[in-house]
């Protein structure tokens, strides 16, 4: 048996009982541990993706706050109006100040 598996059985009574119920009656030892560690890897991958998404969301939020602070002198504009204004400026650069880009 794998050294990590021995430690896992010592630490997790539920896992120990599950293994006792399944091996060798329903699955071989090797298949049990392969499935177990595969599922552990999926959980770890999911946690990493969740952390990455949260980090990206924080960066996006910070960028939006920075963008809002840069636009604070345009008090009469709603955010969507400001975006439309920037789009119009991109299409016709001659009439727009360049510091909006």
PDB file of N, CA and C in Angstrom:
ATOM      1  N   UNK A   1       0.856  -1.185   0.000  1.00  0.00           N
ATOM      2  CA  UNK A   1       0.000   0.000   0.000  1.00  0.00           C
ATOM      3  C   UNK A   1       0.895   1.239   0.000  1.00  0.00           C
ATOM      4  N   UNK A   2       0.389   2.317  -0.608  1.00  0.00           N
ATOM      5  CA  UNK A   2       1.138   3.568  -0.704  1.00  0.00           C
ATOM      6  C   UNK A   2       1.294   4.215   0.676  1.00  0.00           C
ATOM      7  N   UNK A   3       2.477   4.783   0.967  1.00  0.00           N
ATOM      8  CA  UNK A   3       2.689   5.421   2.279  1.00  0.00           C
ATOM      9  C   UNK A   3       1.672   6.528   2.569  1.00  0.00           C
ATOM     10  N   UNK A   4       1.325   7.294   1.559  1.00  0.00           N
ATOM     11  CA  UNK A   4       0.337   8.369   1.755  1.00  0.00           C
ATOM     12  C   UNK A   4      -1.025   7.773   2.097  1.00  0.00           C
ATOM     13  N   UNK A   5      -1.348   6.661   1.474  1.00  0.00           N
ATOM     14  CA  UNK A   5      -2.631   6.005   1.742  1.00  0.00           C
ATOM     15  C   UNK A   5      -2.712   5.530   3.195  1.00  0.00           C
ATOM     16  N   UNK A   6      -1.615   5.008   3.707  1.00  0.00           N
ATOM     17  CA  UNK A   6      -1.586   4.551   5.100  1.00  0.00           C
ATOM     18  C   UNK A   6      -1.871   5.722   6.039  1.00  0.00           C
ATOM     19  N   UNK A   7      -1.227   6.850   5.774  1.00  0.00           N
ATOM     20  CA  UNK A   7      -1.444   8.040   6.606  1.00  0.00           C
ATOM     21  C   UNK A   7      -2.893   8.509   6.496  1.00  0.00           C
ATOM     22  N   UNK A   8      -3.435   8.503   5.284  1.00  0.00           N
ATOM     23  CA  UNK A   8      -4.825   8.943   5.092  1.00  0.00           C
ATOM     24  C   UNK A   8      -5.784   8.056   5.882  1.00  0.00           C
ATOM     25  N   UNK A   9      -5.550   6.766   5.886  1.00  0.00           N
ATOM     26  CA  UNK A   9      -6.412   5.848   6.641  1.00  0.00           C
ATOM     27  C   UNK A   9      -6.320   6.093   8.143  1.00  0.00           C
ATOM     28  N   UNK A  10      -5.142   6.445   8.619  1.00  0.00           N
ATOM     29  CA  UNK A  10      -4.964   6.734  10.041  1.00  0.00           C
ATOM     30  C   UNK A  10      -5.662   8.031  10.434  1.00  0.00           C
ATOM     31  N   UNK A  11      -5.681   8.995   9.528  1.00  0.00           N
ATOM     32  CA  UNK A  11      -6.231  10.319   9.830  1.00  0.00           C
ATOM     33  C   UNK A  11      -7.738  10.426   9.607  1.00  0.00           C
ATOM     34  N   UNK A  12      -8.279   9.611   8.716  1.00  0.00           N
ATOM     35  CA  UNK A  12      -9.685   9.763   8.324  1.00  0.00           C
ATOM     36  C   UNK A  12     -10.447   8.459   8.563  1.00  0.00           C
ATOM     37  N   UNK A  13     -11.192   8.428   9.646  1.00  0.00           N
ATOM     38  CA  UNK A  13     -11.937   7.216  10.019  1.00  0.00           C
ATOM     39  C   UNK A  13     -13.007   6.864   8.969  1.00  0.00           C
ATOM     40  N   UNK A  14     -13.649   7.858   8.400  1.00  0.00           N
ATOM     41  CA  UNK A  14     -14.669   7.598   7.374  1.00  0.00           C
ATOM     42  C   UNK A  14     -14.040   6.941   6.143  1.00  0.00           C
ATOM     43  N   UNK A  15     -12.896   7.436   5.732  1.00  0.00           N
ATOM     44  CA  UNK A  15     -12.183   6.837   4.604  1.00  0.00           C
ATOM     45  C   UNK A  15     -11.793   5.398   4.938  1.00  0.00           C
ATOM     46  N   UNK A  16     -11.348   5.173   6.150  1.00  0.00           N
ATOM     47  CA  UNK A  16     -10.971   3.834   6.589  1.00  0.00           C
ATOM     48  C   UNK A  16     -12.166   2.886   6.498  1.00  0.00           C
ATOM     49  N   UNK A  17     -13.321   3.319   6.968  1.00  0.00           N
ATOM     50  CA  UNK A  17     -14.530   2.477   6.901  1.00  0.00           C
ATOM     51  C   UNK A  17     -14.953   2.232   5.449  1.00  0.00           C
ATOM     52  N   UNK A  18     -14.860   3.264   4.620  1.00  0.00           N
ATOM     53  CA  UNK A  18     -15.240   3.128   3.222  1.00  0.00           C
ATOM     54  C   UNK A  18     -14.341   2.100   2.523  1.00  0.00           C
ATOM     55  N   UNK A  19     -13.061   2.210   2.773  1.00  0.00           N
ATOM     56  CA  UNK A  19     -12.123   1.255   2.184  1.00  0.00           C
ATOM     57  C   UNK A  19     -12.430  -0.159   2.668  1.00  0.00           C
ATOM     58  N   UNK A  20     -12.706  -0.298   3.953  1.00  0.00           N
ATOM     59  CA  UNK A  20     -13.022  -1.612   4.513  1.00  0.00           C
ATOM     60  C   UNK A  20     -14.260  -2.206   3.840  1.00  0.00           C
ATOM     61  N   UNK A  21     -15.259  -1.373   3.561  1.00  0.00           N
ATOM     62  CA  UNK A  21     -16.497  -1.847   2.924  1.00  0.00           C
ATOM     63  C   UNK A  21     -16.297  -2.207   1.446  1.00  0.00           C
ATOM     64  N   UNK A  22     -15.384  -1.529   0.777  1.00  0.00           N
ATOM     65  CA  UNK A  22     -15.243  -1.695  -0.674  1.00  0.00           C
ATOM     66  C   UNK A  22     -14.141  -2.661  -1.104  1.00  0.00           C
ATOM     67  N   UNK A  23     -13.035  -2.663  -0.378  1.00  0.00           N
ATOM     68  CA  UNK A  23     -11.862  -3.451  -0.798  1.00  0.00           C
ATOM     69  C   UNK A  23     -11.816  -4.727   0.030  1.00  0.00           C
ATOM     70  N   UNK A  24     -11.666  -5.862  -0.531  1.00  0.00           N
ATOM     71  CA  UNK A  24     -11.643  -6.236  -1.948  1.00  0.00           C
ATOM     72  C   UNK A  24     -12.995  -6.711  -2.470  1.00  0.00           C
ATOM     73  N   UNK A  25     -14.060  -6.525  -1.663  1.00  0.00           N
ATOM     74  CA  UNK A  25     -15.379  -7.052  -2.049  1.00  0.00           C
ATOM     75  C   UNK A  25     -15.864  -6.497  -3.387  1.00  0.00           C
ATOM     76  N   UNK A  26     -15.692  -5.182  -3.592  1.00  0.00           N
ATOM     77  CA  UNK A  26     -16.226  -4.552  -4.806  1.00  0.00           C
ATOM     78  C   UNK A  26     -15.155  -4.030  -5.753  1.00  0.00           C
ATOM     79  N   UNK A  27     -14.056  -3.557  -5.204  1.00  0.00           N
ATOM     80  CA  UNK A  27     -12.963  -3.029  -6.043  1.00  0.00           C
ATOM     81  C   UNK A  27     -11.625  -3.487  -5.483  1.00  0.00           C
ATOM     82  N   UNK A  28     -10.644  -3.528  -6.364  1.00  0.00           N
ATOM     83  CA  UNK A  28      -9.290  -3.864  -5.939  1.00  0.00           C
ATOM     84  C   UNK A  28      -8.674  -2.673  -5.218  1.00  0.00           C
ATOM     85  N   UNK A  29      -7.701  -2.959  -4.393  1.00  0.00           N
ATOM     86  CA  UNK A  29      -6.996  -1.920  -3.628  1.00  0.00           C
ATOM     87  C   UNK A  29      -6.467  -0.815  -4.543  1.00  0.00           C
ATOM     88  N   UNK A  30      -5.808  -1.215  -5.599  1.00  0.00           N
ATOM     89  CA  UNK A  30      -5.225  -0.237  -6.530  1.00  0.00           C
ATOM     90  C   UNK A  30      -6.285   0.661  -7.147  1.00  0.00           C
ATOM     91  N   UNK A  31      -7.413   0.089  -7.517  1.00  0.00           N
ATOM     92  CA  UNK A  31      -8.508   0.867  -8.129  1.00  0.00           C
ATOM     93  C   UNK A  31      -9.097   1.831  -7.109  1.00  0.00           C
ATOM     94  N   UNK A  32      -9.259   1.376  -5.879  1.00  0.00           N
ATOM     95  CA  UNK A  32      -9.783   2.254  -4.822  1.00  0.00           C
ATOM     96  C   UNK A  32      -8.916   3.504  -4.676  1.00  0.00           C
ATOM     97  N   UNK A  33      -7.588   3.309  -4.551  1.00  0.00           N
ATOM     98  CA  UNK A  33      -6.699   4.443  -4.329  1.00  0.00           C
ATOM     99  C   UNK A  33      -6.561   5.315  -5.576  1.00  0.00           C
ATOM    100  N   UNK A  34      -6.588   4.697  -6.733  1.00  0.00           N
ATOM    101  CA  UNK A  34      -6.534   5.497  -7.962  1.00  0.00           C
ATOM    102  C   UNK A  34      -7.757   6.414  -8.031  1.00  0.00           C
ATOM    103  N   UNK A  35      -8.941   5.867  -7.747  1.00  0.00           N
ATOM    104  CA  UNK A  35     -10.161   6.684  -7.752  1.00  0.00           C
ATOM    105  C   UNK A  35     -10.121   7.766  -6.668  1.00  0.00           C
ATOM    106  N   UNK A  36      -9.652   7.375  -5.490  1.00  0.00           N
ATOM    107  CA  UNK A  36      -9.580   8.332  -4.385  1.00  0.00           C
ATOM    108  C   UNK A  36      -8.676   9.519  -4.738  1.00  0.00           C
ATOM    109  N   UNK A  37      -7.467   9.217  -5.184  1.00  0.00           N
ATOM    110  CA  UNK A  37      -6.526  10.299  -5.471  1.00  0.00           C
ATOM    111  C   UNK A  37      -6.940  11.096  -6.716  1.00  0.00           C
ATOM    112  N   UNK A  38      -7.621  10.484  -7.639  1.00  0.00           N
ATOM    113  CA  UNK A  38      -8.162  11.223  -8.783  1.00  0.00           C
ATOM    114  C   UNK A  38      -9.192  12.237  -8.298  1.00  0.00           C
ATOM    115  N   UNK A  39     -10.073  11.815  -7.419  1.00  0.00           N
ATOM    116  CA  UNK A  39     -11.095  12.730  -6.891  1.00  0.00           C
ATOM    117  C   UNK A  39     -10.470  13.838  -6.032  1.00  0.00           C
ATOM    118  N   UNK A  40      -9.440  13.481  -5.288  1.00  0.00           N
ATOM    119  CA  UNK A  40      -8.707  14.506  -4.525  1.00  0.00           C
ATOM    120  C   UNK A  40      -8.120  15.535  -5.482  1.00  0.00           C
ATOM    121  N   UNK A  41      -7.549  15.082  -6.596  1.00  0.00           N
ATOM    122  CA  UNK A  41      -6.969  16.019  -7.567  1.00  0.00           C
ATOM    123  C   UNK A  41      -8.039  16.922  -8.173  1.00  0.00           C
ATOM    124  N   UNK A  42      -9.243  16.387  -8.404  1.00  0.00           N
ATOM    125  CA  UNK A  42     -10.335  17.217  -8.927  1.00  0.00           C
ATOM    126  C   UNK A  42     -10.742  18.296  -7.928  1.00  0.00           C
ATOM    127  N   UNK A  43     -10.790  17.927  -6.656  1.00  0.00           N
ATOM    128  CA  UNK A  43     -11.149  18.895  -5.614  1.00  0.00           C
ATOM    129  C   UNK A  43     -10.082  19.981  -5.520  1.00  0.00           C
ATOM    130  N   UNK A  44      -8.814  19.585  -5.576  1.00  0.00           N
ATOM    131  CA  UNK A  44      -7.736  20.570  -5.530  1.00  0.00           C
ATOM    132  C   UNK A  44      -7.790  21.497  -6.743  1.00  0.00           C
ATOM    133  N   UNK A  45      -8.034  20.922  -7.914  1.00  0.00           N
ATOM    134  CA  UNK A  45      -8.122  21.729  -9.128  1.00  0.00           C
ATOM    135  C   UNK A  45      -9.281  22.718  -9.030  1.00  0.00           C
ATOM    136  N   UNK A  46     -10.416  22.270  -8.517  1.00  0.00           N
ATOM    137  CA  UNK A  46     -11.569  23.145  -8.356  1.00  0.00           C
ATOM    138  C   UNK A  46     -11.259  24.291  -7.393  1.00  0.00           C
ATOM    139  N   UNK A  47     -10.568  23.968  -6.299  1.00  0.00           N
ATOM    140  CA  UNK A  47     -10.202  25.009  -5.331  1.00  0.00           C
ATOM    141  C   UNK A  47      -9.242  26.018  -5.955  1.00  0.00           C
ATOM    142  N   UNK A  48      -8.304  25.538  -6.757  1.00  0.00           N
ATOM    143  CA  UNK A  48      -7.358  26.443  -7.420  1.00  0.00           C
ATOM    144  C   UNK A  48      -8.082  27.348  -8.409  1.00  0.00           C
ATOM    145  N   UNK A  49      -9.020  26.788  -9.168  1.00  0.00           N
ATOM    146  CA  UNK A  49      -9.777  27.594 -10.131  1.00  0.00           C
ATOM    147  C   UNK A  49     -10.645  28.622  -9.422  1.00  0.00           C
ATOM    148  N   UNK A  50     -11.223  28.233  -8.301  1.00  0.00           N
ATOM    149  CA  UNK A  50     -12.037  29.169  -7.518  1.00  0.00           C
ATOM    150  C   UNK A  50     -11.179  30.315  -6.999  1.00  0.00           C
ATOM    151  N   UNK A  51      -9.994  29.990  -6.495  1.00  0.00           N
ATOM    152  CA  UNK A  51      -9.087  31.028  -5.997  1.00  0.00           C
ATOM    153  C   UNK A  51      -8.637  31.940  -7.129  1.00  0.00           C
ATOM    154  N   UNK A  52      -8.353  31.364  -8.276  1.00  0.00           N
ATOM    155  CA  UNK A  52      -7.942  32.154  -9.432  1.00  0.00           C
ATOM    156  C   UNK A  52      -9.062  33.078  -9.889  1.00  0.00           C
ATOM    157  N   UNK A  53     -10.285  32.574  -9.909  1.00  0.00           N
ATOM    158  CA  UNK A  53     -11.426  33.398 -10.298  1.00  0.00           C
ATOM    159  C   UNK A  53     -11.643  34.535  -9.307  1.00  0.00           C
ATOM    160  N   UNK A  54     -11.495  34.252  -8.018  1.00  0.00           N
ATOM    161  CA  UNK A  54     -11.646  35.292  -6.997  1.00  0.00           C
ATOM    162  C   UNK A  54     -10.561  36.346  -7.143  1.00  0.00           C
ATOM    163  N   UNK A  55      -9.345  35.904  -7.441  1.00  0.00           N
ATOM    164  CA  UNK A  55      -8.242  36.842  -7.636  1.00  0.00           C
ATOM    165  C   UNK A  55      -8.510  37.725  -8.855  1.00  0.00           C
ATOM    166  N   UNK A  56      -8.979  37.124  -9.939  1.00  0.00           N
ATOM    167  CA  UNK A  56      -9.278  37.897 -11.145  1.00  0.00           C
ATOM    168  C   UNK A  56     -10.415  38.874 -10.891  1.00  0.00           C
ATOM    169  N   UNK A  57     -11.413  38.451 -10.132  1.00  0.00           N
ATOM    170  CA  UNK A  57     -12.530  39.331  -9.803  1.00  0.00           C
ATOM    171  C   UNK A  57     -12.038  40.524  -8.983  1.00  0.00           C
ATOM    172  N   UNK A  58     -11.119  40.296  -8.056  1.00  0.00           N
ATOM    173  CA  UNK A  58     -10.571  41.388  -7.256  1.00  0.00           C
ATOM    174  C   UNK A  58      -9.787  42.360  -8.127  1.00  0.00           C
ATOM    175  N   UNK A  59      -9.021  41.833  -9.076  1.00  0.00           N
ATOM    176  CA  UNK A  59      -8.265  42.697  -9.996  1.00  0.00           C
ATOM    177  C   UNK A  59      -9.225  43.520 -10.852  1.00  0.00           C
ATOM    178  N   UNK A  60     -10.265  42.860 -11.370  1.00  0.00           N
ATOM    179  CA  UNK A  60     -11.252  43.570 -12.185  1.00  0.00           C
ATOM    180  C   UNK A  60     -11.938  44.672 -11.387  1.00  0.00           C
ATOM    181  N   UNK A  61     -12.278  44.365 -10.131  1.00  0.00           N
ATOM    182  CA  UNK A  61     -12.934  45.351  -9.265  1.00  0.00           C
ATOM    183  C   UNK A  61     -12.005  46.538  -9.018  1.00  0.00           C
ATOM    184  N   UNK A  62     -10.736  46.245  -8.762  1.00  0.00           N
ATOM    185  CA  UNK A  62      -9.763  47.311  -8.525  1.00  0.00           C
ATOM    186  C   UNK A  62      -9.591  48.177  -9.778  1.00  0.00           C
ATOM    187  N   UNK A  63      -9.551  47.540 -10.940  1.00  0.00           N
ATOM    188  CA  UNK A  63      -9.422  48.299 -12.188  1.00  0.00           C
ATOM    189  C   UNK A  63     -10.636  49.192 -12.419  1.00  0.00           C
ATOM    190  N   UNK A  64     -11.840  48.658 -12.085  1.00  0.00           N
ATOM    191  CA  UNK A  64     -13.050  49.476 -12.231  1.00  0.00           C
ATOM    192  C   UNK A  64     -13.015  50.672 -11.283  1.00  0.00           C
ATOM    193  N   UNK A  65     -12.541  50.436 -10.042  1.00  0.00           N
ATOM    194  CA  UNK A  65     -12.442  51.538  -9.077  1.00  0.00           C
ATOM    195  C   UNK A  65     -11.444  52.582  -9.552  1.00  0.00           C
ATOM    196  N   UNK A  66     -10.298  52.117 -10.075  1.00  0.00           N
ATOM    197  CA  UNK A  66      -9.301  53.048 -10.601  1.00  0.00           C
ATOM    198  C   UNK A  66      -9.864  53.835 -11.770  1.00  0.00           C
ATOM    199  N   UNK A  67     -10.612  53.148 -12.629  1.00  0.00           N
ATOM    200  CA  UNK A  67     -11.208  53.804 -13.786  1.00  0.00           C
ATOM    201  C   UNK A  67     -12.240  54.830 -13.337  1.00  0.00           C
ATOM    202  N   UNK A  68     -13.044  54.478 -12.334  1.00  0.00           N
ATOM    203  CA  UNK A  68     -14.043  55.413 -11.815  1.00  0.00           C
ATOM    204  C   UNK A  68     -13.375  56.632 -11.185  1.00  0.00           C
ATOM    205  N   UNK A  69     -12.257  56.421 -10.493  1.00  0.00           N
ATOM    206  CA  UNK A  69     -11.543  57.542  -9.878  1.00  0.00           C
ATOM    207  C   UNK A  69     -10.983  58.464 -10.961  1.00  0.00           C
ATOM    208  N   UNK A  70     -10.493  57.878 -12.046  1.00  0.00           N
ATOM    209  CA  UNK A  70      -9.977  58.686 -13.154  1.00  0.00           C
ATOM    210  C   UNK A  70     -11.070  59.525 -13.797  1.00  0.00           C
ATOM    211  N   UNK A  71     -12.304  59.038 -13.762  1.00  0.00           N
ATOM    212  CA  UNK A  71     -13.416  59.712 -14.417  1.00  0.00           C
ATOM    213  C   UNK A  71     -14.235  60.577 -13.448  1.00  0.00           C
ATOM    214  N   UNK A  72     -13.775  60.732 -12.229  1.00  0.00           N
ATOM    215  CA  UNK A  72     -14.573  61.420 -11.217  1.00  0.00           C
ATOM    216  C   UNK A  72     -14.844  62.879 -11.564  1.00  0.00           C
ATOM    217  N   UNK A  73     -14.026  63.496 -12.400  1.00  0.00           N
ATOM    218  CA  UNK A  73     -14.252  64.892 -12.760  1.00  0.00           C
ATOM    219  C   UNK A  73     -15.408  65.034 -13.750  1.00  0.00           C
ATOM    220  N   UNK A  74     -15.911  63.936 -14.270  1.00  0.00           N
ATOM    221  CA  UNK A  74     -17.055  63.971 -15.195  1.00  0.00           C
ATOM    222  C   UNK A  74     -18.320  63.646 -14.410  1.00  0.00           C
ATOM    223  N   UNK A  75     -18.712  64.524 -13.515  1.00  0.00           N
ATOM    224  CA  UNK A  75     -19.767  64.220 -12.555  1.00  0.00           C
ATOM    225  C   UNK A  75     -21.137  64.039 -13.186  1.00  0.00           C
ATOM    226  N   UNK A  76     -21.408  64.598 -14.326  1.00  0.00           N
ATOM    227  CA  UNK A  76     -22.738  64.486 -14.914  1.00  0.00           C
ATOM    228  C   UNK A  76     -22.942  63.220 -15.717  1.00  0.00           C
ATOM    229  N   UNK A  77     -21.945  62.390 -15.865  1.00  0.00           N
ATOM    230  CA  UNK A  77     -22.046  61.207 -16.709  1.00  0.00           C
ATOM    231  C   UNK A  77     -22.376  59.972 -15.898  1.00  0.00           C
ATOM    232  N   UNK A  78     -23.297  59.190 -16.381  1.00  0.00           N
ATOM    233  CA  UNK A  78     -23.531  57.849 -15.860  1.00  0.00           C
ATOM    234  C   UNK A  78     -22.448  56.954 -16.454  1.00  0.00           C
ATOM    235  N   UNK A  79     -22.089  55.878 -15.802  1.00  0.00           N
ATOM    236  CA  UNK A  79     -20.995  55.016 -16.265  1.00  0.00           C
ATOM    237  C   UNK A  79     -21.230  54.520 -17.692  1.00  0.00           C
ATOM    238  N   UNK A  80     -22.447  54.090 -18.024  1.00  0.00           N
ATOM    239  CA  UNK A  80     -22.702  53.590 -19.376  1.00  0.00           C
ATOM    240  C   UNK A  80     -22.621  54.737 -20.377  1.00  0.00           C
ATOM    241  N   UNK A  81     -23.024  55.937 -19.966  1.00  0.00           N
ATOM    242  CA  UNK A  81     -22.902  57.088 -20.848  1.00  0.00           C
ATOM    243  C   UNK A  81     -21.437  57.398 -21.099  1.00  0.00           C
ATOM    244  N   UNK A  82     -20.630  57.259 -20.071  1.00  0.00           N
ATOM    245  CA  UNK A  82     -19.211  57.516 -20.211  1.00  0.00           C
ATOM    246  C   UNK A  82     -18.592  56.530 -21.198  1.00  0.00           C
ATOM    247  N   UNK A  83     -18.976  55.275 -21.117  1.00  0.00           N
ATOM    248  CA  UNK A  83     -18.466  54.285 -22.053  1.00  0.00           C
ATOM    249  C   UNK A  83     -18.884  54.633 -23.473  1.00  0.00           C
ATOM    250  N   UNK A  84     -20.113  55.049 -23.646  1.00  0.00           N
ATOM    251  CA  UNK A  84     -20.587  55.453 -24.961  1.00  0.00           C
ATOM    252  C   UNK A  84     -19.807  56.676 -25.444  1.00  0.00           C
ATOM    253  N   UNK A  85     -19.508  57.601 -24.525  1.00  0.00           N
ATOM    254  CA  UNK A  85     -18.722  58.788 -24.872  1.00  0.00           C
ATOM    255  C   UNK A  85     -17.336  58.377 -25.353  1.00  0.00           C
ATOM    256  N   UNK A  86     -16.705  57.455 -24.643  1.00  0.00           N
ATOM    257  CA  UNK A  86     -15.377  56.988 -25.054  1.00  0.00           C
ATOM    258  C   UNK A  86     -15.432  56.303 -26.414  1.00  0.00           C
ATOM    259  N   UNK A  87     -16.484  55.541 -26.640  1.00  0.00           N
ATOM    260  CA  UNK A  87     -16.635  54.884 -27.933  1.00  0.00           C
ATOM    261  C   UNK A  87     -16.757  55.915 -29.046  1.00  0.00           C
ATOM    262  N   UNK A  88     -17.549  56.952 -28.814  1.00  0.00           N
ATOM    263  CA  UNK A  88     -17.679  58.016 -29.829  1.00  0.00           C
ATOM    264  C   UNK A  88     -16.325  58.682 -30.062  1.00  0.00           C
ATOM    265  N   UNK A  89     -15.562  58.866 -28.999  1.00  0.00           N
ATOM    266  CA  UNK A  89     -14.235  59.467 -29.138  1.00  0.00           C
ATOM    267  C   UNK A  89     -13.317  58.582 -29.974  1.00  0.00           C
ATOM    268  N   UNK A  90     -13.419  57.283 -29.786  1.00  0.00           N
ATOM    269  CA  UNK A  90     -12.596  56.378 -30.578  1.00  0.00           C
ATOM    270  C   UNK A  90     -12.941  56.477 -32.058  1.00  0.00           C
ATOM    271  N   UNK A  91     -14.221  56.679 -32.341  1.00  0.00           N
ATOM    272  CA  UNK A  91     -14.656  56.762 -33.733  1.00  0.00           C
ATOM    273  C   UNK A  91     -14.331  58.112 -34.345  1.00  0.00           C
ATOM    274  N   UNK A  92     -14.311  59.166 -33.533  1.00  0.00           N
ATOM    275  CA  UNK A  92     -14.023  60.505 -34.040  1.00  0.00           C
ATOM    276  C   UNK A  92     -13.054  61.183 -33.074  1.00  0.00           C
ATOM    277  N   UNK A  93     -11.774  60.944 -33.245  1.00  0.00           N
ATOM    278  CA  UNK A  93     -10.763  61.450 -32.315  1.00  0.00           C
ATOM    279  C   UNK A  93     -10.593  62.962 -32.373  1.00  0.00           C
ATOM    280  N   UNK A  94     -11.011  63.586 -33.436  1.00  0.00           N
ATOM    281  CA  UNK A  94     -10.759  65.013 -33.581  1.00  0.00           C
ATOM    282  C   UNK A  94     -11.484  65.859 -32.537  1.00  0.00           C
ATOM    283  N   UNK A  95     -12.648  65.425 -32.043  1.00  0.00           N
ATOM    284  CA  UNK A  95     -13.404  66.262 -31.120  1.00  0.00           C
ATOM    285  C   UNK A  95     -13.268  65.865 -29.660  1.00  0.00           C
ATOM    286  N   UNK A  96     -12.406  64.922 -29.314  1.00  0.00           N
ATOM    287  CA  UNK A  96     -12.327  64.434 -27.939  1.00  0.00           C
ATOM    288  C   UNK A  96     -10.929  64.682 -27.365  1.00  0.00           C
ATOM    289  N   UNK A  97     -10.889  65.027 -26.097  1.00  0.00           N
ATOM    290  CA  UNK A  97      -9.586  65.137 -25.443  1.00  0.00           C
ATOM    291  C   UNK A  97      -8.901  63.771 -25.386  1.00  0.00           C
ATOM    292  N   UNK A  98      -7.586  63.760 -25.527  1.00  0.00           N
ATOM    293  CA  UNK A  98      -6.856  62.507 -25.600  1.00  0.00           C
ATOM    294  C   UNK A  98      -6.602  61.855 -24.254  1.00  0.00           C
ATOM    295  N   UNK A  99      -6.815  62.524 -23.153  1.00  0.00           N
ATOM    296  CA  UNK A  99      -6.517  61.933 -21.861  1.00  0.00           C
ATOM    297  C   UNK A  99      -7.563  60.906 -21.417  1.00  0.00           C
ATOM    298  N   UNK A 100      -8.561  60.640 -22.215  1.00  0.00           N
ATOM    299  CA  UNK A 100      -9.549  59.634 -21.864  1.00  0.00           C
ATOM    300  C   UNK A 100      -9.138  58.233 -22.272  1.00  0.00           C
ATOM    301  N   UNK A 101      -7.984  58.072 -22.879  1.00  0.00           N
ATOM    302  CA  UNK A 101      -7.576  56.757 -23.386  1.00  0.00           C
ATOM    303  C   UNK A 101      -6.396  56.224 -22.623  1.00  0.00           C
TER     304      UNK A 101
END
